[in-house]
Amino acid sequence: MIVSCPNITRRRFMQGAAAAGTLSLIPSPLRRAFAAPPVLRGTEFALEIATVPLALNGRQATATGVNGQVPAPILRWCEGDTVTLAVTNSLGEPSSIHWHGVRTPSPMDGVPGLSFSGIAPGGTFVYRFPVRQSGTYWYHSHSMFQEQTGLYGAIVIAPKAGYAQAFDRDYVVLLSDWSFESPKTIVSNLKFQSDYYNYGQRTVATFIADAQRAGLADTVADRLEWGRMRMSPTDILDVSGATYTYLINGQPPGANWTALFRPGERVRLRFINGSAMSIFDVRIDGLPMTVVQADGNDVQPVTVDQFRISVAETYDVIVQPPADRAYTIFAQAEDRTGYARGTLAPRAGMAAAIPPMDPRPLRTMADMGMAGMEHGEMPGMELSPEGKRLEGKVGVDNVAMMPADRLQSAGEGFPPGRRVLAYADLRAIKRGSDPRPPTHEITLHLTGNMQRFIWGFDGKKFSEAGPIELKRGDRVRFVLINDTMMEHPIHLHGLWSELDNGHGEFRPYKHTINVKPGERLSYLVTADAPGRWAFHCHLLYHMETGMFREVHVA
C-alpha cells in the first residue's frame, strides 16, 4: 500500500505514482537501466539483513543487503510520525543499522558498543523513534565493513509543512563504490603500502612535462620538497578505480540508470554519497543544478554547474531540462580513476554522450597546511604550541604549519570558468534555533600516519583516547584542524553541526562536514540530546583504523 503524507496534494501524489509506475511501461530489456531500490512507505517496517547474490559487469559476488536488495530499499517517512523498524539479522555475524543524520534517542542510534549492543546473528532489534525532521538522509551498517559490502540505503522524509521549493518529479541518486576484493584485503594492502591503489603517481614523463612547463629548477625543488616530507601530490583518494566500480543506485556506468522527465518539468534529484571511501564531483553537462538542500536541511537556492559531495553527505538539487533530449548525470571520482553515470531522459532507451573526465587534481602547498608559501620556505617556520604537542607521535607524520580557512574553495581539480559549489555558498533559509554564543571551544587535530595507515584525532586512535565530555545544554564550538594530506568527512552522531561559514545566524546545519587538507574550520554544537554519540571520519577505513571518538552528553 502506498501512503502519502498529509501535506502532499493529490496532484503531487498522482505525479509521484505515475513516475513510480513508469517502469511497467518500459520494455523488459531496458528495465535494468531504470531499476532503483524498491520504496517502502508508512510507519512500520520489517527489514532483514542477509547475504545477497550480486551480478556486476559480468562478475558474480556475494553482497550484504536488506530484504534481498543492494542498495537497501528506499524508506519514505513523514515528519511528525513515529516509525517502528524491526530489523532481523540473518548473517552469521553481528550487525546493526545507523540512521545517518536522523535525530533519534541514543539507544536507537545503532552504534554497537555505544548506543546498543548490536544485533546478534538470528536476532531482531526493534528501532522505534519519532520523526522530528524532514529531508534526504540514509542508513547503513555500523558493524565492521558491512557498509562497504552493500548494507546502505536512502531515507526520504517529507516535510509536514510542505516543500520550500516546488518540483514535479523526485528521484534518489545514491552513489556508492564496490570492490570485488574483500574489505579486509583492501585494508591489508593499505597497511602494507599506503599508496597501493594510487595508479596516477608522477613518473619520468611527468617530470619532463613539468620541467618544460615550470622550469627545471622549480620542478626539482618541488620533487625534493615532496620527497623530504615523504608525501605525494597525487595521493587524492586512498582507494581508487583500480579496485572500485562506481555505482548509481547500484548500477554500474554501462547499465545507464535513467530518470524520466517531460521537457520543462522541475526534477528534484536527491544525491547521497553512500560510498565507503570515494568522494565524487557531480555535474550534468548542459544543465545547471540549483542546490536547495544540504544534509537534509533547506538552504537558500544556489545555482552551480558542479558540486563535490564527500562520503556521507547529501545534496538535493532541482534541474529543469528544457529540451527533448537526454542529459548525462556524471559523477567522477575525485582522483579521476573512474566515474558513475546515469541519464535524465524524456523517453526510455535514450542516452547522451559521456563527457571526458577532468584532469587529475594534484595536492598543493595549501593542502600541506602552508598556504601562500613557496617551495623551500618551510625551514625556520615555527609550529603552534598545539602542533609541537603532536610532533613526534607515532600516529602523526605531518603537522600543518599554517592551516587556513578554505571554505570559499571547493578544492582542486575543477577547470576554470565552471561554477562549483563551496561551503561558503551554503546559507540556511531560517535562523538557527539556538542563538547563544558558545561558552567554550574544543580543538581537535585530524591526524594520520600514511606509511602505517593509522588515523586519529590529536595523534590518538580510538583505543587510546577517552570520550569528549559535554553537559546537556552546552553550547560548544568545535575547531577542526586537518594536519593530513587527505580530506576527512567528519560526522557527529545525535547532534547538529552548525558550520560557521560566514552567514552568522543563518549557518547551515550539517551532519557531515568535509575538512580539506590543511584546512581549519569550526562549527557550533548544542548538546541537546543526552547519550553516548559516535564522532568519526566517515571514510570507512579511516574510522576502522582509529579516527573515531565518543562524545558523551550527560
Protein backbone atom coordinates (compact mmCIF):
# COMPACT_ATOMS: atom_id res chain seq x y z
CA MET A 1 0.00 0.00 0.00
CA ILE A 2 1.34 3.45 -0.92
CA VAL A 3 0.83 6.02 1.82
CA SER A 4 1.17 9.75 1.12
CA CYS A 5 1.93 12.36 3.76
CA PRO A 6 -0.97 14.64 4.69
CA ASN A 7 0.74 17.71 3.16
CA ILE A 8 1.12 16.16 -0.29
CA THR A 9 -1.59 17.27 -2.71
CA ARG A 10 -3.50 14.76 -4.81
CA ARG A 11 -1.86 16.21 -7.94
CA ARG A 12 1.63 15.73 -6.47
CA PHE A 13 0.74 12.23 -5.27
CA MET A 14 -0.57 11.20 -8.68
CA GLN A 15 2.57 12.57 -10.34
CA GLY A 16 4.69 10.52 -7.97
CA ALA A 17 2.61 7.43 -8.60
CA ALA A 18 2.89 7.97 -12.36
CA ALA A 19 6.66 8.27 -12.09
CA ALA A 20 6.84 5.14 -9.95
CA GLY A 21 4.67 3.26 -12.42
CA THR A 22 6.74 4.22 -15.42
CA LEU A 23 8.84 1.07 -15.08
CA SER A 24 5.92 -1.18 -16.01
CA LEU A 25 5.64 0.57 -19.39
CA ILE A 26 9.28 0.03 -20.33
CA PRO A 27 10.22 -2.99 -22.50
CA SER A 28 11.84 -5.66 -20.34
CA PRO A 29 15.34 -5.43 -21.95
CA LEU A 30 15.54 -1.81 -20.81
CA ARG A 31 14.16 -2.22 -17.33
CA ARG A 32 17.53 -2.77 -15.68
CA ALA A 33 18.60 0.73 -16.67
CA PHE A 34 15.56 2.14 -14.85
CA ALA A 35 15.88 -0.19 -11.86
CA ALA A 36 16.04 1.51 -8.49
CA PRO A 37 15.74 0.12 -4.98
CA PRO A 38 12.12 -0.57 -4.02
CA VAL A 39 10.34 2.08 -1.95
CA LEU A 40 8.85 1.25 1.46
CA ARG A 41 6.39 3.76 2.93
CA GLY A 42 4.46 4.04 6.16
CA THR A 43 5.32 3.83 9.85
CA GLU A 44 6.05 0.15 10.40
CA PHE A 45 8.84 -1.69 8.60
CA ALA A 46 10.30 -5.20 8.65
CA LEU A 47 13.90 -5.25 7.44
CA GLU A 48 16.08 -8.34 7.09
CA ILE A 49 19.86 -8.13 6.81
CA ALA A 50 21.26 -11.06 4.83
CA THR A 51 23.74 -12.04 2.16
CA VAL A 52 22.60 -11.23 -1.37
CA PRO A 53 23.99 -12.53 -4.69
CA LEU A 54 25.28 -9.67 -6.81
CA ALA A 55 25.98 -9.63 -10.55
CA LEU A 56 28.05 -6.68 -11.73
CA ASN A 57 29.79 -6.20 -15.06
CA GLY A 58 29.53 -9.89 -15.81
CA ARG A 59 31.04 -10.97 -12.50
CA GLN A 60 29.32 -12.66 -9.56
CA ALA A 61 29.78 -11.76 -5.91
CA THR A 62 28.11 -12.03 -2.54
CA ALA A 63 26.99 -8.76 -1.00
CA THR A 64 25.26 -7.72 2.22
CA GLY A 65 21.76 -6.41 1.60
CA VAL A 66 18.40 -5.62 3.13
CA ASN A 67 15.26 -7.52 2.07
CA GLY A 68 17.27 -9.10 -0.73
CA GLN A 69 18.28 -5.72 -2.19
CA VAL A 70 21.55 -3.85 -2.79
CA PRO A 71 21.19 -0.94 -2.23
CA ALA A 72 18.64 -1.45 0.52
CA PRO A 73 15.04 -0.28 -0.01
CA ILE A 74 14.33 3.45 -0.01
CA LEU A 75 12.46 4.34 3.18
CA ARG A 76 9.94 7.18 2.84
CA TRP A 77 8.72 8.64 6.11
CA CYS A 78 6.60 11.64 7.10
CA GLU A 79 7.72 14.33 9.52
CA GLY A 80 5.67 14.07 12.71
CA ASP A 81 5.12 10.31 12.54
CA THR A 82 6.65 7.72 14.82
CA VAL A 83 8.34 4.89 12.93
CA THR A 84 8.94 1.33 14.06
CA LEU A 85 11.58 -0.74 12.28
CA ALA A 86 12.04 -4.40 13.20
CA VAL A 87 15.50 -5.35 11.92
CA THR A 88 16.38 -9.05 11.76
CA ASN A 89 19.97 -10.16 11.31
CA SER A 90 20.24 -13.30 9.16
CA LEU A 91 24.01 -13.02 8.79
CA GLY A 92 26.48 -15.27 10.56
CA GLU A 93 27.99 -12.27 12.36
CA PRO A 94 26.66 -9.32 14.41
CA SER A 95 25.15 -6.42 12.52
CA SER A 96 23.48 -3.04 13.04
CA ILE A 97 21.78 -0.15 11.26
CA HIS A 98 22.55 3.51 11.90
CA TRP A 99 20.06 6.13 10.66
CA HIS A 100 22.56 8.65 9.34
CA GLY A 101 21.61 12.26 10.11
CA VAL A 102 18.30 11.28 11.72
CA ARG A 103 17.89 12.66 15.24
CA THR A 104 16.98 9.64 17.35
CA PRO A 105 17.27 8.89 21.06
CA SER A 106 20.72 7.47 21.80
CA PRO A 107 19.56 3.83 22.26
CA MET A 108 18.08 3.96 18.71
CA ASP A 109 21.20 5.37 17.00
CA GLY A 110 22.54 1.95 16.08
CA VAL A 111 26.25 2.03 17.00
CA PRO A 112 27.36 -1.21 18.67
CA GLY A 113 29.31 -0.64 21.85
CA LEU A 114 27.99 2.88 22.35
CA SER A 115 24.23 3.14 21.97
CA PHE A 116 23.32 -0.56 21.97
CA SER A 117 24.92 -4.00 21.89
CA GLY A 118 24.29 -4.69 18.23
CA ILE A 119 22.07 -7.31 16.59
CA ALA A 120 23.31 -10.85 17.15
CA PRO A 121 23.09 -13.46 14.35
CA GLY A 122 19.49 -14.63 14.18
CA GLY A 123 18.33 -11.80 16.42
CA THR A 124 15.86 -8.95 15.89
CA PHE A 125 16.14 -5.43 17.23
CA VAL A 126 13.18 -3.07 17.14
CA TYR A 127 14.03 0.57 16.48
CA ARG A 128 11.27 3.00 17.39
CA PHE A 129 11.53 6.79 17.38
CA PRO A 130 9.61 9.95 16.46
CA VAL A 131 10.47 11.65 13.16
CA ARG A 132 11.11 15.28 14.03
CA GLN A 133 12.75 16.48 10.83
CA SER A 134 12.47 16.26 7.07
CA GLY A 135 14.89 15.93 4.17
CA THR A 136 17.20 13.44 2.47
CA TYR A 137 19.19 11.05 4.66
CA TRP A 138 20.43 7.47 4.50
CA TYR A 139 21.02 4.38 6.57
CA HIS A 140 23.88 1.92 6.78
CA SER A 141 25.55 -0.70 8.91
CA HIS A 142 27.88 0.43 11.68
CA SER A 143 29.39 -3.04 12.07
CA MET A 144 32.87 -3.66 10.68
CA PHE A 145 32.91 -3.44 6.87
CA GLN A 146 29.28 -4.31 6.04
CA GLU A 147 28.67 -0.82 4.69
CA GLN A 148 31.31 -1.47 2.01
CA THR A 149 29.71 -4.78 1.05
CA GLY A 150 26.28 -3.31 0.34
CA LEU A 151 24.41 -2.52 3.53
CA TYR A 152 23.24 1.02 2.79
CA GLY A 153 20.01 2.67 1.63
CA ALA A 154 18.24 6.01 1.25
CA ILE A 155 15.78 7.75 3.58
CA VAL A 156 13.41 10.46 2.31
CA ILE A 157 11.34 12.34 4.91
CA ALA A 158 8.51 14.50 3.59
CA PRO A 159 8.09 17.84 5.43
CA LYS A 160 4.91 18.34 7.40
CA ALA A 161 4.52 21.95 6.20
CA GLY A 162 5.29 21.23 2.56
CA TYR A 163 8.37 21.74 0.44
CA ALA A 164 10.09 25.12 0.24
CA GLN A 165 10.76 24.58 -3.47
CA ALA A 166 8.20 23.18 -5.92
CA PHE A 167 9.08 20.23 -8.15
CA ASP A 168 7.30 17.82 -10.47
CA ARG A 169 9.41 14.67 -10.19
CA ASP A 170 11.55 13.26 -7.42
CA TYR A 171 14.46 10.78 -7.71
CA VAL A 172 17.04 9.38 -5.33
CA VAL A 173 20.56 9.27 -6.81
CA LEU A 174 22.55 7.07 -4.44
CA LEU A 175 26.28 7.00 -5.22
CA SER A 176 28.49 4.18 -3.96
CA ASP A 177 31.66 2.19 -4.58
CA TRP A 178 32.00 -1.58 -4.97
CA SER A 179 35.08 -3.79 -4.94
CA PHE A 180 35.36 -7.49 -5.67
CA GLU A 181 38.22 -7.51 -3.17
CA SER A 182 37.18 -8.07 0.42
CA PRO A 183 37.43 -5.03 2.72
CA LYS A 184 39.95 -6.88 4.88
CA THR A 185 42.15 -7.34 1.82
CA ILE A 186 41.88 -3.64 0.97
CA VAL A 187 42.93 -2.61 4.49
CA SER A 188 45.76 -5.14 4.46
CA ASN A 189 47.01 -3.72 1.15
CA LEU A 190 46.87 -0.15 2.52
CA LYS A 191 48.73 -1.19 5.66
CA PHE A 192 51.39 -2.85 3.53
CA GLN A 193 51.67 0.11 1.15
CA SER A 194 49.56 3.23 1.72
CA ASP A 195 49.62 4.16 -1.99
CA TYR A 196 48.81 0.62 -3.12
CA TYR A 197 45.81 1.83 -5.18
CA ASN A 198 47.41 5.04 -6.43
CA TYR A 199 47.98 4.34 -10.11
CA GLY A 200 48.44 8.01 -11.01
CA GLN A 201 51.82 8.68 -9.44
CA ARG A 202 54.32 11.02 -11.03
CA THR A 203 56.86 9.49 -13.42
CA VAL A 204 59.86 10.49 -15.50
CA ALA A 205 57.43 11.54 -18.23
CA THR A 206 55.53 13.85 -15.88
CA PHE A 207 58.84 15.26 -14.58
CA ILE A 208 59.85 16.19 -18.13
CA ALA A 209 56.44 17.73 -18.83
CA ASP A 210 56.55 19.73 -15.57
CA ALA A 211 60.09 20.91 -16.28
CA GLN A 212 59.04 22.16 -19.71
CA ARG A 213 56.09 23.98 -18.17
CA ALA A 214 57.57 25.35 -14.91
CA GLY A 215 61.31 25.19 -15.45
CA LEU A 216 63.90 22.64 -14.33
CA ALA A 217 64.92 24.35 -11.08
CA ASP A 218 61.37 24.75 -9.79
CA THR A 219 60.47 21.20 -10.79
CA VAL A 220 63.49 19.74 -8.98
CA ALA A 221 62.70 21.84 -5.89
CA ASP A 222 59.12 20.65 -5.97
CA ARG A 223 60.12 16.97 -6.15
CA LEU A 224 62.68 17.37 -3.35
CA GLU A 225 60.14 19.11 -1.09
CA TRP A 226 57.56 16.35 -1.52
CA GLY A 227 60.23 13.67 -1.12
CA ARG A 228 61.55 15.22 2.09
CA MET A 229 58.06 15.07 3.56
CA ARG A 230 57.58 11.51 2.27
CA MET A 231 54.33 12.57 0.64
CA SER A 232 52.92 12.56 -2.86
CA PRO A 233 50.80 15.28 -4.50
CA THR A 234 48.91 12.52 -6.34
CA ASP A 235 47.54 10.98 -3.11
CA ILE A 236 43.93 12.09 -3.60
CA LEU A 237 41.90 9.05 -2.53
CA ASP A 238 43.26 6.05 -0.61
CA VAL A 239 41.23 3.57 -2.65
CA SER A 240 40.70 4.17 -6.36
CA GLY A 241 39.15 2.88 -9.55
CA ALA A 242 41.99 0.36 -9.58
CA THR A 243 39.65 -1.79 -7.48
CA TYR A 244 36.37 0.15 -7.33
CA THR A 245 33.39 0.16 -9.67
CA TYR A 246 31.35 3.31 -9.10
CA LEU A 247 27.57 2.92 -8.95
CA ILE A 248 24.36 4.95 -9.15
CA ASN A 249 21.51 3.21 -7.32
CA GLY A 250 23.51 0.01 -7.51
CA GLN A 251 24.03 0.25 -11.27
CA PRO A 252 27.46 0.46 -12.98
CA PRO A 253 28.11 3.06 -15.72
CA GLY A 254 27.29 0.66 -18.54
CA ALA A 255 23.81 -0.04 -17.18
CA ASN A 256 22.88 3.62 -17.71
CA TRP A 257 20.44 4.12 -14.85
CA THR A 258 17.81 6.56 -16.14
CA ALA A 259 15.34 9.05 -14.67
CA LEU A 260 12.49 10.22 -16.89
CA PHE A 261 11.12 13.75 -17.32
CA ARG A 262 9.00 15.89 -19.61
CA PRO A 263 10.72 18.99 -21.01
CA GLY A 264 10.15 21.98 -18.76
CA GLU A 265 9.44 19.94 -15.62
CA ARG A 266 11.27 20.66 -12.39
CA VAL A 267 13.07 17.49 -11.32
CA ARG A 268 14.39 17.03 -7.78
CA LEU A 269 17.48 14.83 -7.59
CA ARG A 270 18.43 13.66 -4.11
CA PHE A 271 22.16 12.93 -4.24
CA ILE A 272 23.50 10.73 -1.45
CA ASN A 273 27.12 9.63 -1.18
CA GLY A 274 26.83 6.16 0.33
CA SER A 275 30.40 5.22 -0.54
CA ALA A 276 32.91 3.68 1.78
CA MET A 277 35.87 5.76 0.56
CA SER A 278 35.00 7.73 -2.60
CA ILE A 279 34.45 11.48 -2.97
CA PHE A 280 32.62 12.49 -6.17
CA ASP A 281 32.45 15.60 -8.34
CA VAL A 282 28.96 15.75 -9.85
CA ARG A 283 27.73 17.60 -12.92
CA ILE A 284 25.06 17.27 -15.61
CA ASP A 285 26.56 18.56 -18.84
CA GLY A 286 24.43 21.30 -20.37
CA LEU A 287 22.14 21.54 -17.37
CA PRO A 288 22.61 23.89 -14.38
CA MET A 289 21.71 22.50 -10.96
CA THR A 290 20.09 24.53 -8.22
CA VAL A 291 21.13 23.28 -4.78
CA VAL A 292 18.16 23.57 -2.39
CA GLN A 293 19.16 21.31 0.47
CA ALA A 294 22.36 20.16 2.20
CA ASP A 295 22.40 17.20 4.57
CA GLY A 296 18.61 17.25 4.81
CA ASN A 297 18.30 20.96 5.62
CA ASP A 298 16.92 23.66 3.31
CA VAL A 299 19.38 26.28 2.07
CA GLN A 300 18.98 29.41 0.02
CA PRO A 301 18.92 28.16 -3.58
CA VAL A 302 22.29 28.45 -5.31
CA THR A 303 22.80 27.53 -8.96
CA VAL A 304 26.00 25.73 -9.90
CA ASP A 305 27.50 23.67 -12.71
CA GLN A 306 29.13 21.17 -10.38
CA PHE A 307 29.46 20.17 -6.75
CA ARG A 308 31.78 17.97 -4.72
CA ILE A 309 29.99 15.52 -2.46
CA SER A 310 32.07 13.86 0.22
CA VAL A 311 31.34 10.50 1.78
CA ALA A 312 28.06 10.54 3.78
CA GLU A 313 26.91 13.99 2.60
CA THR A 314 23.61 14.59 0.81
CA TYR A 315 22.64 17.39 -1.59
CA ASP A 316 19.22 17.96 -3.11
CA VAL A 317 19.24 19.79 -6.43
CA ILE A 318 16.47 20.89 -8.78
CA VAL A 319 17.03 20.81 -12.53
CA GLN A 320 14.67 21.89 -15.30
CA PRO A 321 15.63 20.20 -18.58
CA PRO A 322 14.35 22.49 -21.35
CA ALA A 323 14.97 20.25 -24.34
CA ASP A 324 13.54 16.98 -25.61
CA ARG A 325 16.87 15.20 -25.29
CA ALA A 326 18.94 13.13 -22.90
CA TYR A 327 21.39 14.54 -20.34
CA THR A 328 24.21 12.62 -18.67
CA ILE A 329 24.47 12.60 -14.88
CA PHE A 330 28.23 12.37 -14.41
CA ALA A 331 29.81 11.67 -11.01
CA GLN A 332 33.57 11.32 -11.39
CA ALA A 333 35.75 10.15 -8.54
CA GLU A 334 37.85 12.97 -7.14
CA ASP A 335 41.04 11.22 -8.27
CA ARG A 336 39.62 10.76 -11.80
CA THR A 337 40.16 6.98 -11.80
CA GLY A 338 36.55 6.25 -12.69
CA TYR A 339 33.01 7.51 -12.65
CA ALA A 340 29.37 6.71 -12.01
CA ARG A 341 26.97 7.61 -14.78
CA GLY A 342 23.23 7.89 -15.26
CA THR A 343 20.85 9.67 -17.60
CA LEU A 344 17.97 12.13 -17.48
CA ALA A 345 15.78 11.44 -20.50
CA PRO A 346 12.27 12.17 -21.83
CA ARG A 347 11.90 8.60 -23.10
CA ALA A 348 13.16 5.12 -22.37
CA GLY A 349 16.26 3.90 -24.15
CA MET A 350 17.88 7.30 -24.67
CA ALA A 351 21.46 8.24 -23.76
CA ALA A 352 23.72 11.25 -24.07
CA ALA A 353 27.46 11.45 -24.63
CA ILE A 354 29.63 10.64 -21.62
CA PRO A 355 31.93 13.63 -21.05
CA PRO A 356 35.67 13.15 -20.62
CA MET A 357 36.93 13.21 -17.07
CA ASP A 358 38.57 16.38 -15.84
CA PRO A 359 42.36 16.47 -15.32
CA ARG A 360 43.56 14.64 -12.24
CA PRO A 361 43.97 17.03 -9.27
CA LEU A 362 47.31 17.48 -7.54
CA ARG A 363 47.83 18.44 -3.93
CA THR A 364 49.28 21.91 -3.37
CA MET A 365 51.15 23.86 -0.70
CA ALA A 366 47.76 24.82 0.75
CA ASP A 367 46.98 21.11 1.15
CA MET A 368 50.17 20.78 3.17
CA GLY A 369 48.99 23.50 5.52
CA MET A 370 51.41 26.02 4.03
CA ALA A 371 49.08 28.28 2.06
CA GLY A 372 50.89 31.20 0.42
CA MET A 373 54.34 29.68 0.86
CA GLU A 374 56.74 28.74 -1.89
CA HIS A 375 58.79 25.58 -2.05
CA GLY A 376 61.91 25.90 0.07
CA GLU A 377 60.35 28.30 2.60
CA MET A 378 59.44 25.57 5.05
CA PRO A 379 62.67 25.60 7.17
CA GLY A 380 62.51 28.02 10.08
CA MET A 381 58.72 28.03 10.31
CA GLU A 382 57.51 27.65 13.88
CA LEU A 383 54.76 25.26 14.83
CA SER A 384 51.97 26.38 17.11
CA PRO A 385 52.01 25.00 20.69
CA GLU A 386 49.33 22.53 19.60
CA GLY A 387 51.47 21.45 16.65
CA LYS A 388 54.52 20.97 18.87
CA ARG A 389 52.43 18.81 21.19
CA LEU A 390 51.65 16.48 18.27
CA GLU A 391 55.14 16.39 16.77
CA GLY A 392 56.86 13.03 17.11
CA LYS A 393 53.76 10.99 17.90
CA VAL A 394 53.63 7.61 16.19
CA GLY A 395 50.25 8.36 14.64
CA VAL A 396 51.37 11.71 13.19
CA ASP A 397 53.56 12.11 10.11
CA ASN A 398 52.68 15.73 9.34
CA VAL A 399 51.53 18.84 11.21
CA ALA A 400 50.06 21.75 9.24
CA MET A 401 52.17 24.84 9.90
CA MET A 402 49.68 27.38 8.57
CA PRO A 403 46.20 25.81 8.48
CA ALA A 404 43.80 28.14 6.72
CA ASP A 405 40.12 28.90 6.22
CA ARG A 406 39.31 27.25 2.88
CA LEU A 407 35.52 27.45 2.89
CA GLN A 408 35.50 29.69 -0.21
CA SER A 409 37.10 26.88 -2.23
CA ALA A 410 35.55 23.63 -3.41
CA GLY A 411 39.02 22.11 -3.63
CA GLU A 412 41.34 21.25 -6.51
CA GLY A 413 40.56 19.66 -9.86
CA PHE A 414 37.93 21.97 -11.35
CA PRO A 415 38.53 23.63 -14.73
CA PRO A 416 38.35 27.45 -14.74
CA GLY A 417 35.03 29.04 -15.61
CA ARG A 418 32.88 26.33 -14.03
CA ARG A 419 30.57 27.35 -11.18
CA VAL A 420 31.37 24.94 -8.36
CA LEU A 421 29.60 24.80 -5.01
CA ALA A 422 31.71 25.79 -2.00
CA TYR A 423 30.75 25.55 1.67
CA ALA A 424 30.69 29.35 1.81
CA ASP A 425 27.71 29.26 -0.59
CA LEU A 426 25.50 27.38 1.88
CA ARG A 427 23.13 29.69 3.76
CA ALA A 428 20.21 28.34 5.78
CA ILE A 429 16.78 29.73 4.92
CA LYS A 430 15.93 30.08 8.61
CA ARG A 431 17.88 31.34 11.60
CA GLY A 432 19.38 28.70 13.84
CA SER A 433 17.30 27.50 16.77
CA ASP A 434 19.94 28.35 19.40
CA PRO A 435 21.15 32.00 19.28
CA ARG A 436 23.52 31.62 22.25
CA PRO A 437 27.25 32.12 21.68
CA PRO A 438 29.48 29.18 22.60
CA THR A 439 30.80 29.06 26.14
CA HIS A 440 33.96 27.12 25.28
CA GLU A 441 35.94 25.58 22.43
CA ILE A 442 37.14 22.08 21.72
CA THR A 443 40.05 21.96 19.27
CA LEU A 444 40.87 18.70 17.54
CA HIS A 445 43.62 17.93 15.05
CA LEU A 446 42.81 15.40 12.33
CA THR A 447 45.96 13.32 12.20
CA GLY A 448 47.41 10.34 10.43
CA ASN A 449 50.48 8.37 9.53
CA MET A 450 50.21 7.45 5.87
CA GLN A 451 53.11 4.98 5.97
CA ARG A 452 51.44 2.98 8.73
CA PHE A 453 47.89 3.80 7.60
CA ILE A 454 46.93 4.93 11.11
CA TRP A 455 44.35 7.68 11.60
CA GLY A 456 43.09 9.54 14.63
CA PHE A 457 42.28 12.74 16.47
CA ASP A 458 45.20 14.53 18.13
CA GLY A 459 47.53 11.68 17.23
CA LYS A 460 45.49 9.12 19.13
CA LYS A 461 43.47 6.17 17.92
CA PHE A 462 40.07 5.47 19.45
CA SER A 463 41.59 2.82 21.72
CA GLU A 464 43.96 5.43 23.18
CA ALA A 465 41.51 8.28 23.81
CA GLY A 466 38.74 8.89 26.29
CA PRO A 467 35.35 10.43 25.49
CA ILE A 468 34.71 14.10 24.84
CA GLU A 469 32.51 15.13 27.77
CA LEU A 470 29.67 17.64 27.30
CA LYS A 471 26.95 18.70 29.69
CA ARG A 472 23.39 18.70 28.47
CA GLY A 473 22.53 22.17 27.19
CA ASP A 474 26.15 23.13 26.49
CA ARG A 475 26.82 25.44 23.56
CA VAL A 476 30.23 24.48 22.19
CA ARG A 477 32.47 25.49 19.31
CA PHE A 478 34.34 22.59 17.72
CA VAL A 479 37.51 23.60 15.86
CA LEU A 480 38.94 21.04 13.43
CA ILE A 481 42.46 21.33 12.01
CA ASN A 482 43.39 18.91 9.26
CA ASP A 483 47.08 18.07 9.53
CA THR A 484 46.89 15.36 6.87
CA MET A 485 47.02 15.36 3.09
CA MET A 486 43.62 13.66 2.81
CA GLU A 487 40.10 15.03 3.08
CA HIS A 488 38.10 13.86 6.08
CA PRO A 489 34.28 13.92 6.18
CA ILE A 490 33.66 14.26 9.91
CA HIS A 491 30.31 13.01 11.21
CA LEU A 492 28.91 13.75 14.67
CA HIS A 493 26.02 11.48 15.61
CA GLY A 494 22.98 12.71 17.51
CA LEU A 495 23.70 16.46 17.34
CA TRP A 496 23.62 19.02 14.55
CA SER A 497 26.85 20.69 13.43
CA GLU A 498 26.23 24.35 12.52
CA LEU A 499 29.00 25.22 10.08
CA ASP A 500 30.49 28.64 10.79
CA ASN A 501 30.87 29.77 7.17
CA GLY A 502 30.28 33.50 7.40
CA HIS A 503 26.47 33.56 7.38
CA GLY A 504 26.02 34.36 11.06
CA GLU A 505 22.66 33.21 12.40
CA PHE A 506 21.97 31.55 9.06
CA ARG A 507 24.72 28.97 9.47
CA PRO A 508 23.85 25.76 7.57
CA TYR A 509 23.04 22.73 9.71
CA LYS A 510 25.03 19.67 8.63
CA HIS A 511 25.56 16.16 9.92
CA THR A 512 28.81 15.60 7.97
CA ILE A 513 31.49 18.23 7.34
CA ASN A 514 34.24 17.61 4.83
CA VAL A 515 37.55 19.05 6.05
CA LYS A 516 40.05 19.68 3.26
CA PRO A 517 43.81 19.09 3.69
CA GLY A 518 45.49 21.97 5.51
CA GLU A 519 42.12 23.43 6.48
CA ARG A 520 40.98 24.92 9.77
CA LEU A 521 37.22 25.31 10.25
CA SER A 522 34.75 25.46 13.09
CA TYR A 523 31.13 24.74 13.84
CA LEU A 524 28.75 25.19 16.75
CA VAL A 525 27.04 22.35 18.57
CA THR A 526 24.18 22.46 21.05
CA ALA A 527 24.35 19.42 23.33
CA ASP A 528 20.58 18.95 23.42
CA ALA A 529 20.46 15.13 23.31
CA PRO A 530 21.86 13.03 26.17
CA GLY A 531 23.72 9.83 25.45
CA ARG A 532 26.88 8.32 24.03
CA TRP A 533 27.41 9.53 20.47
CA ALA A 534 29.92 8.45 17.83
CA PHE A 535 32.19 11.10 16.32
CA HIS A 536 34.33 9.93 13.42
CA CYS A 537 35.71 10.27 9.94
CA HIS A 538 33.23 8.70 7.52
CA LEU A 539 35.95 7.28 5.29
CA LEU A 540 35.30 3.72 6.43
CA TYR A 541 38.90 2.55 6.52
CA HIS A 542 40.00 5.70 8.36
CA MET A 543 37.32 5.11 11.00
CA GLU A 544 38.21 1.44 11.37
CA THR A 545 41.92 2.25 11.77
CA GLY A 546 41.47 4.82 14.51
CA MET A 547 39.72 8.08 13.50
CA PHE A 548 36.83 7.62 15.92
CA ARG A 549 35.93 9.21 19.25
CA GLU A 550 32.97 9.21 21.60
CA VAL A 551 31.06 12.37 22.53
CA HIS A 552 29.26 11.87 25.83
CA VAL A 553 26.40 14.20 26.71
CA ALA A 554 25.29 13.86 30.33
